[in-house]
């Protein structure tokens, strides 16, 4: 498992999620799902998310560590 940082810009808002997942694809899906749940379907499409590994070798299970948004 890896810890991922996931971000998406929408107009003047930046949505973010920090997740533990097996792959970039799983991290992206988790970020979209959590953002949609918290912020009225603001998760968008998978290709709109930037994903990067923050830490490798993190113990599972897959989970959301943080999710929110900021104004740019």
C-alpha atoms as a PDB file:
ATOM      1  CA  UNK A   1       0.000   0.000   0.000  1.00  0.00           C
ATOM      2  CA  UNK A   2       1.028   3.602  -0.617  1.00  0.00           C
ATOM      3  CA  UNK A   3      -0.093   6.936   0.770  1.00  0.00           C
ATOM      4  CA  UNK A   4      -1.260   9.225  -2.059  1.00  0.00           C
ATOM      5  CA  UNK A   5      -2.010  12.913  -2.403  1.00  0.00           C
ATOM      6  CA  UNK A   6      -4.896  13.544  -4.811  1.00  0.00           C
ATOM      7  CA  UNK A   7      -5.820  17.030  -6.071  1.00  0.00           C
ATOM      8  CA  UNK A   8      -8.293  18.559  -8.506  1.00  0.00           C
ATOM      9  CA  UNK A   9      -8.763  22.212  -9.478  1.00  0.00           C
ATOM     10  CA  UNK A  10     -12.227  23.527 -10.328  1.00  0.00           C
ATOM     11  CA  UNK A  11     -12.470  27.250 -11.056  1.00  0.00           C
ATOM     12  CA  UNK A  12     -11.170  28.874  -7.887  1.00  0.00           C
ATOM     13  CA  UNK A  13     -11.474  25.779  -5.707  1.00  0.00           C
ATOM     14  CA  UNK A  14      -8.904  23.056  -5.130  1.00  0.00           C
ATOM     15  CA  UNK A  15     -10.244  19.719  -3.920  1.00  0.00           C
ATOM     16  CA  UNK A  16      -7.849  17.345  -2.208  1.00  0.00           C
ATOM     17  CA  UNK A  17      -7.736  13.943  -0.588  1.00  0.00           C
ATOM     18  CA  UNK A  18      -5.018  11.986   1.157  1.00  0.00           C
ATOM     19  CA  UNK A  19      -5.587   8.259   0.889  1.00  0.00           C
ATOM     20  CA  UNK A  20      -3.946   4.903   1.487  1.00  0.00           C
ATOM     21  CA  UNK A  21      -4.469   2.694  -1.565  1.00  0.00           C
ATOM     22  CA  UNK A  22      -2.903  -0.119  -3.578  1.00  0.00           C
ATOM     23  CA  UNK A  23      -2.600   1.858  -6.833  1.00  0.00           C
ATOM     24  CA  UNK A  24      -3.010   5.296  -8.386  1.00  0.00           C
ATOM     25  CA  UNK A  25      -6.270   4.130  -9.958  1.00  0.00           C
ATOM     26  CA  UNK A  26      -7.700   3.050  -6.615  1.00  0.00           C
ATOM     27  CA  UNK A  27      -6.530   6.329  -5.007  1.00  0.00           C
ATOM     28  CA  UNK A  28      -8.231   8.331  -7.765  1.00  0.00           C
ATOM     29  CA  UNK A  29     -11.493   6.386  -7.392  1.00  0.00           C
ATOM     30  CA  UNK A  30     -11.472   6.815  -3.620  1.00  0.00           C
ATOM     31  CA  UNK A  31     -10.826  10.570  -3.924  1.00  0.00           C
ATOM     32  CA  UNK A  32     -13.694  10.994  -6.400  1.00  0.00           C
ATOM     33  CA  UNK A  33     -16.107   8.978  -4.271  1.00  0.00           C
ATOM     34  CA  UNK A  34     -15.270  10.829  -1.055  1.00  0.00           C
ATOM     35  CA  UNK A  35     -15.390  14.253  -2.732  1.00  0.00           C
ATOM     36  CA  UNK A  36     -18.757  13.456  -4.313  1.00  0.00           C
ATOM     37  CA  UNK A  37     -20.097  12.331  -0.941  1.00  0.00           C
ATOM     38  CA  UNK A  38     -18.902  15.437   0.943  1.00  0.00           C
ATOM     39  CA  UNK A  39     -19.214  18.173  -1.682  1.00  0.00           C
ATOM     40  CA  UNK A  40     -22.273  17.568  -3.869  1.00  0.00           C
ATOM     41  CA  UNK A  41     -20.821  15.672  -6.817  1.00  0.00           C
ATOM     42  CA  UNK A  42     -17.690  17.863  -7.154  1.00  0.00           C
ATOM     43  CA  UNK A  43     -15.440  14.851  -7.790  1.00  0.00           C
ATOM     44  CA  UNK A  44     -15.479  15.246 -11.555  1.00  0.00           C
ATOM     45  CA  UNK A  45     -13.841  12.805 -13.950  1.00  0.00           C
ATOM     46  CA  UNK A  46     -10.827  10.613 -13.166  1.00  0.00           C
ATOM     47  CA  UNK A  47      -8.499  12.366 -15.623  1.00  0.00           C
ATOM     48  CA  UNK A  48      -9.028  15.695 -13.812  1.00  0.00           C
ATOM     49  CA  UNK A  49      -7.232  14.425 -10.701  1.00  0.00           C
ATOM     50  CA  UNK A  50      -3.480  14.660 -10.122  1.00  0.00           C
ATOM     51  CA  UNK A  51      -2.094  11.801  -8.053  1.00  0.00           C
ATOM     52  CA  UNK A  52       1.302  11.483  -6.408  1.00  0.00           C
ATOM     53  CA  UNK A  53       2.849   9.047  -3.952  1.00  0.00           C
ATOM     54  CA  UNK A  54       3.686  10.579  -0.585  1.00  0.00           C
ATOM     55  CA  UNK A  55       4.915   7.418   1.130  1.00  0.00           C
ATOM     56  CA  UNK A  56       5.493   3.806   0.101  1.00  0.00           C
ATOM     57  CA  UNK A  57       5.019   0.676   2.178  1.00  0.00           C
ATOM     58  CA  UNK A  58       2.130   1.954   4.306  1.00  0.00           C
ATOM     59  CA  UNK A  59       0.091  -0.615   6.217  1.00  0.00           C
ATOM     60  CA  UNK A  60      -3.434  -1.231   4.887  1.00  0.00           C
ATOM     61  CA  UNK A  61      -6.367  -1.308   4.660  1.00  0.00           C
ATOM     62  CA  UNK A  62      -7.222   1.180   1.937  1.00  0.00           C
ATOM     63  CA  UNK A  63      -8.745   4.272   3.534  1.00  0.00           C
ATOM     64  CA  UNK A  64      -9.339   8.012   3.312  1.00  0.00           C
ATOM     65  CA  UNK A  65      -7.073   9.984   5.662  1.00  0.00           C
ATOM     66  CA  UNK A  66      -8.255  13.498   4.787  1.00  0.00           C
ATOM     67  CA  UNK A  67     -10.533  15.184   2.257  1.00  0.00           C
ATOM     68  CA  UNK A  68     -11.501  18.796   1.719  1.00  0.00           C
ATOM     69  CA  UNK A  69     -11.190  21.881  -0.454  1.00  0.00           C
ATOM     70  CA  UNK A  70      -9.555  25.296  -0.443  1.00  0.00           C
ATOM     71  CA  UNK A  71     -10.095  28.448  -2.405  1.00  0.00           C
ATOM     72  CA  UNK A  72      -7.244  29.237  -4.788  1.00  0.00           C
END
